[in-house]
Amino acid sequence: MCQWCAPPVLAADEFGLTERPAQRLVGLSWEGTHAQARDGATRKLLTEVQDFALGLGDAWIGPIIALSWNDRPQGGRFFAGVETAGRAGNLMGMDLTAMRFVTGWHDDKHGEVPDHYERMLWWMGANGHRWDKQRLHHREEYPLHADFSADPVLRLMLPVLAGPVGAQA
């Protein structure tokens, strides 16, 4: 099973720990208000990155990866990208270091995305993990062929302080 599809390590209930290796993404960025994001600005960005990725014609390309930073009142920054074999076209590059995340799959059975993140934060605290917002606030992984006009189906991810797998942070 590939790293994108594998269940989290130490999964309990609907959440668990997942490692992601260092990687280089190419994609697009956006910044604005939470209201603009809800009104479709981030969905538009995800769709543009999806179109780029599907146009590469690769037999296998990983998920669309969205990163966000809630670093201003009423808004933040957002980056959506994919890992490719060096082909960036007119997209910007972003290098990520290896990181550990608390993760959980989200679909229409889990309610609204913000509520699901709240449950993740509760689970993190109950299990001795701390949210590490030094490099980014959220990572989301969408299937390459996601339907961005439908209810979201994605992997929600919150970075946690690193330590050996099995250790409580």
C-alpha atoms as a PDB file:
ATOM      1  CA  MET A   1       0.000   0.000   0.000  1.00  0.00           C
ATOM      2  CA  CYS A   2       1.343   3.452  -0.877  1.00  0.00           C
ATOM      3  CA  GLN A   3       2.041   6.148   1.709  1.00  0.00           C
ATOM      4  CA  TRP A   4      -0.968   8.171   0.527  1.00  0.00           C
ATOM      5  CA  CYS A   5      -3.496   5.399   1.045  1.00  0.00           C
ATOM      6  CA  ALA A   6      -2.062   3.680   4.117  1.00  0.00           C
ATOM      7  CA  PRO A   7      -3.969   4.060   7.364  1.00  0.00           C
ATOM      8  CA  PRO A   8      -2.310   6.126  10.080  1.00  0.00           C
ATOM      9  CA  VAL A   9       0.066   4.537  12.546  1.00  0.00           C
ATOM     10  CA  LEU A  10      -1.403   4.174  16.040  1.00  0.00           C
ATOM     11  CA  ALA A  11      -4.907   4.815  14.714  1.00  0.00           C
ATOM     12  CA  ALA A  12      -7.574   4.946  17.368  1.00  0.00           C
ATOM     13  CA  ASP A  13     -11.156   5.807  16.645  1.00  0.00           C
ATOM     14  CA  GLU A  14     -11.109   8.015  13.554  1.00  0.00           C
ATOM     15  CA  PHE A  15      -7.681   9.638  14.036  1.00  0.00           C
ATOM     16  CA  GLY A  16      -4.058   8.530  14.116  1.00  0.00           C
ATOM     17  CA  LEU A  17      -0.470   9.551  13.390  1.00  0.00           C
ATOM     18  CA  THR A  18       0.950   9.693   9.866  1.00  0.00           C
ATOM     19  CA  GLU A  19       4.439  10.548   8.652  1.00  0.00           C
ATOM     20  CA  ARG A  20       5.096  12.424   5.426  1.00  0.00           C
ATOM     21  CA  PRO A  21       8.578  12.542   3.852  1.00  0.00           C
ATOM     22  CA  ALA A  22      10.288  15.667   2.608  1.00  0.00           C
ATOM     23  CA  GLN A  23       8.926  16.569  -0.792  1.00  0.00           C
ATOM     24  CA  ARG A  24       8.851  19.273  -3.450  1.00  0.00           C
ATOM     25  CA  LEU A  25       5.460  20.472  -4.582  1.00  0.00           C
ATOM     26  CA  VAL A  26       4.518  22.682  -7.501  1.00  0.00           C
ATOM     27  CA  GLY A  27       1.311  24.628  -7.333  1.00  0.00           C
ATOM     28  CA  LEU A  28      -0.474  27.900  -6.784  1.00  0.00           C
ATOM     29  CA  SER A  29      -0.950  30.144  -3.774  1.00  0.00           C
ATOM     30  CA  TRP A  30      -3.723  32.415  -2.609  1.00  0.00           C
ATOM     31  CA  GLU A  31      -4.337  34.679   0.366  1.00  0.00           C
ATOM     32  CA  GLY A  32      -7.517  36.304   1.543  1.00  0.00           C
ATOM     33  CA  THR A  33     -10.337  36.125   4.028  1.00  0.00           C
ATOM     34  CA  HIS A  34     -12.147  33.087   5.391  1.00  0.00           C
ATOM     35  CA  ALA A  35     -15.312  34.422   3.718  1.00  0.00           C
ATOM     36  CA  GLN A  36     -13.574  34.470   0.311  1.00  0.00           C
ATOM     37  CA  ALA A  37     -12.357  30.917   0.895  1.00  0.00           C
ATOM     38  CA  ARG A  38     -15.902  29.765   1.753  1.00  0.00           C
ATOM     39  CA  ASP A  39     -17.170  31.543  -1.373  1.00  0.00           C
ATOM     40  CA  GLY A  40     -14.956  29.380  -3.610  1.00  0.00           C
ATOM     41  CA  ALA A  41     -11.519  31.000  -3.885  1.00  0.00           C
ATOM     42  CA  THR A  42      -9.674  27.949  -2.566  1.00  0.00           C
ATOM     43  CA  ARG A  43     -11.875  25.548  -4.551  1.00  0.00           C
ATOM     44  CA  LYS A  44     -10.914  27.450  -7.720  1.00  0.00           C
ATOM     45  CA  LEU A  45      -7.229  27.087  -6.834  1.00  0.00           C
ATOM     46  CA  LEU A  46      -7.628  23.345  -6.181  1.00  0.00           C
ATOM     47  CA  THR A  47      -9.349  22.921  -9.544  1.00  0.00           C
ATOM     48  CA  GLU A  48      -6.571  24.784 -11.380  1.00  0.00           C
ATOM     49  CA  VAL A  49      -3.915  22.574  -9.758  1.00  0.00           C
ATOM     50  CA  GLN A  50      -5.988  19.486 -10.579  1.00  0.00           C
ATOM     51  CA  ASP A  51      -6.194  20.563 -14.245  1.00  0.00           C
ATOM     52  CA  PHE A  52      -2.403  21.038 -14.317  1.00  0.00           C
ATOM     53  CA  ALA A  53      -1.763  17.636 -12.719  1.00  0.00           C
ATOM     54  CA  LEU A  54      -4.169  15.774 -14.991  1.00  0.00           C
ATOM     55  CA  GLY A  55      -2.612  17.508 -18.006  1.00  0.00           C
ATOM     56  CA  LEU A  56       0.796  16.022 -17.172  1.00  0.00           C
ATOM     57  CA  GLY A  57      -0.398  12.640 -18.424  1.00  0.00           C
ATOM     58  CA  ASP A  58       1.538  10.709 -15.757  1.00  0.00           C
ATOM     59  CA  ALA A  59       0.324   7.193 -15.074  1.00  0.00           C
ATOM     60  CA  TRP A  60       0.556   7.916 -11.336  1.00  0.00           C
ATOM     61  CA  ILE A  61       0.706  11.205  -9.557  1.00  0.00           C
ATOM     62  CA  GLY A  62      -0.030  11.579  -5.875  1.00  0.00           C
ATOM     63  CA  PRO A  63      -2.818  13.552  -4.272  1.00  0.00           C
ATOM     64  CA  ILE A  64      -3.442  17.248  -4.499  1.00  0.00           C
ATOM     65  CA  ILE A  65      -1.906  18.682  -1.348  1.00  0.00           C
ATOM     66  CA  ALA A  66      -3.315  21.830   0.236  1.00  0.00           C
ATOM     67  CA  LEU A  67      -1.432  23.723   2.923  1.00  0.00           C
ATOM     68  CA  SER A  68      -2.828  26.577   4.946  1.00  0.00           C
ATOM     69  CA  TRP A  69      -1.716  29.193   7.414  1.00  0.00           C
ATOM     70  CA  ASN A  70      -4.271  31.091   9.513  1.00  0.00           C
ATOM     71  CA  ASP A  71      -1.858  33.919  10.147  1.00  0.00           C
ATOM     72  CA  ARG A  72      -3.973  37.069   9.946  1.00  0.00           C
ATOM     73  CA  PRO A  73      -7.241  38.290  11.422  1.00  0.00           C
ATOM     74  CA  GLN A  74     -10.211  36.841   9.525  1.00  0.00           C
ATOM     75  CA  GLY A  75      -8.048  35.072   6.932  1.00  0.00           C
ATOM     76  CA  GLY A  76      -4.891  33.375   5.893  1.00  0.00           C
ATOM     77  CA  ARG A  77      -2.733  31.918   3.147  1.00  0.00           C
ATOM     78  CA  PHE A  78      -3.337  28.786   1.100  1.00  0.00           C
ATOM     79  CA  PHE A  79      -1.139  26.719  -1.229  1.00  0.00           C
ATOM     80  CA  ALA A  80      -2.340  23.837  -3.388  1.00  0.00           C
ATOM     81  CA  GLY A  81       0.130  21.664  -5.261  1.00  0.00           C
ATOM     82  CA  VAL A  82       1.245  18.256  -6.431  1.00  0.00           C
ATOM     83  CA  GLU A  83       4.515  16.395  -6.402  1.00  0.00           C
ATOM     84  CA  THR A  84       5.850  15.974  -9.947  1.00  0.00           C
ATOM     85  CA  ALA A  85       9.028  14.864 -11.647  1.00  0.00           C
ATOM     86  CA  GLY A  86      10.322  18.426 -11.908  1.00  0.00           C
ATOM     87  CA  ARG A  87       7.754  19.783 -14.366  1.00  0.00           C
ATOM     88  CA  ALA A  88       6.331  22.981 -12.984  1.00  0.00           C
ATOM     89  CA  GLY A  89       5.103  24.925 -15.990  1.00  0.00           C
ATOM     90  CA  ASN A  90       4.303  28.397 -14.661  1.00  0.00           C
ATOM     91  CA  LEU A  91       3.552  27.125 -11.151  1.00  0.00           C
ATOM     92  CA  MET A  92       5.585  28.002  -8.060  1.00  0.00           C
ATOM     93  CA  GLY A  93       7.621  25.454  -6.136  1.00  0.00           C
ATOM     94  CA  MET A  94       7.496  24.711  -2.420  1.00  0.00           C
ATOM     95  CA  ASP A  95       9.854  22.457  -0.466  1.00  0.00           C
ATOM     96  CA  LEU A  96       8.444  20.630   2.559  1.00  0.00           C
ATOM     97  CA  THR A  97      10.467  18.951   5.262  1.00  0.00           C
ATOM     98  CA  ALA A  98       9.502  15.561   6.656  1.00  0.00           C
ATOM     99  CA  MET A  99       6.686  15.968   9.153  1.00  0.00           C
ATOM    100  CA  ARG A 100       4.347  14.043  11.440  1.00  0.00           C
ATOM    101  CA  PHE A 101       0.605  14.675  11.445  1.00  0.00           C
ATOM    102  CA  VAL A 102      -2.528  13.677  13.257  1.00  0.00           C
ATOM    103  CA  THR A 103      -4.810  12.595  10.428  1.00  0.00           C
ATOM    104  CA  GLY A 104      -8.335  11.522   9.691  1.00  0.00           C
ATOM    105  CA  TRP A 105     -10.350  10.905   6.537  1.00  0.00           C
ATOM    106  CA  HIS A 106     -13.237  13.284   6.001  1.00  0.00           C
ATOM    107  CA  ASP A 107     -16.373  12.745   3.939  1.00  0.00           C
ATOM    108  CA  ASP A 108     -20.049  13.663   4.208  1.00  0.00           C
ATOM    109  CA  LYS A 109     -20.521  11.261   7.168  1.00  0.00           C
ATOM    110  CA  HIS A 110     -18.239  13.447   9.315  1.00  0.00           C
ATOM    111  CA  GLY A 111     -20.222  16.703   9.164  1.00  0.00           C
ATOM    112  CA  GLU A 112     -18.553  20.000   8.371  1.00  0.00           C
ATOM    113  CA  VAL A 113     -14.770  20.199   7.927  1.00  0.00           C
ATOM    114  CA  PRO A 114     -14.241  22.809  10.726  1.00  0.00           C
ATOM    115  CA  ASP A 115     -16.181  20.604  13.166  1.00  0.00           C
ATOM    116  CA  HIS A 116     -14.059  17.601  12.166  1.00  0.00           C
ATOM    117  CA  TYR A 117     -10.895  19.621  12.826  1.00  0.00           C
ATOM    118  CA  GLU A 118     -12.289  20.517  16.278  1.00  0.00           C
ATOM    119  CA  ARG A 119     -12.692  16.795  17.051  1.00  0.00           C
ATOM    120  CA  MET A 120      -9.121  16.224  15.870  1.00  0.00           C
ATOM    121  CA  LEU A 121      -7.858  18.922  18.236  1.00  0.00           C
ATOM    122  CA  TRP A 122      -9.744  17.340  21.120  1.00  0.00           C
ATOM    123  CA  TRP A 123      -8.290  13.899  20.223  1.00  0.00           C
ATOM    124  CA  MET A 124      -4.781  15.387  20.056  1.00  0.00           C
ATOM    125  CA  GLY A 125      -5.075  16.884  23.526  1.00  0.00           C
ATOM    126  CA  ALA A 126      -6.613  13.742  24.980  1.00  0.00           C
ATOM    127  CA  ASN A 127      -3.689  11.708  23.602  1.00  0.00           C
ATOM    128  CA  GLY A 128      -0.902  14.027  24.699  1.00  0.00           C
ATOM    129  CA  HIS A 129      -0.070  15.556  21.301  1.00  0.00           C
ATOM    130  CA  ARG A 130       0.527  19.236  20.633  1.00  0.00           C
ATOM    131  CA  TRP A 131      -0.355  21.102  17.441  1.00  0.00           C
ATOM    132  CA  ASP A 132       2.877  22.345  15.842  1.00  0.00           C
ATOM    133  CA  LYS A 133       2.051  25.526  13.882  1.00  0.00           C
ATOM    134  CA  GLN A 134       5.667  26.580  13.279  1.00  0.00           C
ATOM    135  CA  ARG A 135       5.787  25.509   9.599  1.00  0.00           C
ATOM    136  CA  LEU A 136       2.108  25.322   8.635  1.00  0.00           C
ATOM    137  CA  HIS A 137      -1.291  25.052  10.288  1.00  0.00           C
ATOM    138  CA  HIS A 138      -3.114  22.470   8.168  1.00  0.00           C
ATOM    139  CA  ARG A 139      -2.340  19.974   5.430  1.00  0.00           C
ATOM    140  CA  GLU A 140      -5.114  18.395   3.400  1.00  0.00           C
ATOM    141  CA  GLU A 141      -4.781  15.663   0.796  1.00  0.00           C
ATOM    142  CA  TYR A 142      -7.405  15.348  -1.926  1.00  0.00           C
ATOM    143  CA  PRO A 143      -7.642  12.461  -4.373  1.00  0.00           C
ATOM    144  CA  LEU A 144      -6.312  13.567  -7.768  1.00  0.00           C
ATOM    145  CA  HIS A 145      -9.703  12.966  -9.376  1.00  0.00           C
ATOM    146  CA  ALA A 146     -11.694  14.677  -6.604  1.00  0.00           C
ATOM    147  CA  ASP A 147     -14.965  16.359  -7.549  1.00  0.00           C
ATOM    148  CA  PHE A 148     -14.517  19.830  -6.068  1.00  0.00           C
ATOM    149  CA  SER A 149     -18.146  20.726  -6.776  1.00  0.00           C
ATOM    150  CA  ALA A 150     -19.381  17.942  -4.455  1.00  0.00           C
ATOM    151  CA  ASP A 151     -19.158  17.437  -0.696  1.00  0.00           C
ATOM    152  CA  PRO A 152     -15.464  17.288   0.221  1.00  0.00           C
ATOM    153  CA  VAL A 153     -13.634  13.968   0.512  1.00  0.00           C
ATOM    154  CA  LEU A 154     -10.118  14.445   1.834  1.00  0.00           C
ATOM    155  CA  ARG A 155      -7.545  13.565   4.457  1.00  0.00           C
ATOM    156  CA  LEU A 156      -7.398  16.216   7.202  1.00  0.00           C
ATOM    157  CA  MET A 157      -3.958  16.680   8.735  1.00  0.00           C
ATOM    158  CA  LEU A 158      -2.647  18.734  11.662  1.00  0.00           C
ATOM    159  CA  PRO A 159       1.130  18.870  12.245  1.00  0.00           C
ATOM    160  CA  VAL A 160       2.313  17.629  15.617  1.00  0.00           C
ATOM    161  CA  LEU A 161       5.642  17.946  17.369  1.00  0.00           C
ATOM    162  CA  ALA A 162       7.945  15.210  16.114  1.00  0.00           C
ATOM    163  CA  GLY A 163       9.088  12.272  18.183  1.00  0.00           C
ATOM    164  CA  PRO A 164       9.446   8.544  17.722  1.00  0.00           C
ATOM    165  CA  VAL A 165       6.303   6.796  16.506  1.00  0.00           C
ATOM    166  CA  GLY A 166       4.513   5.555  19.599  1.00  0.00           C
ATOM    167  CA  ALA A 167       5.842   8.325  21.844  1.00  0.00           C
ATOM    168  CA  GLN A 168       3.403  10.847  23.216  1.00  0.00           C
ATOM    169  CA  ALA A 169       4.399  14.447  22.453  1.00  0.00           C
END
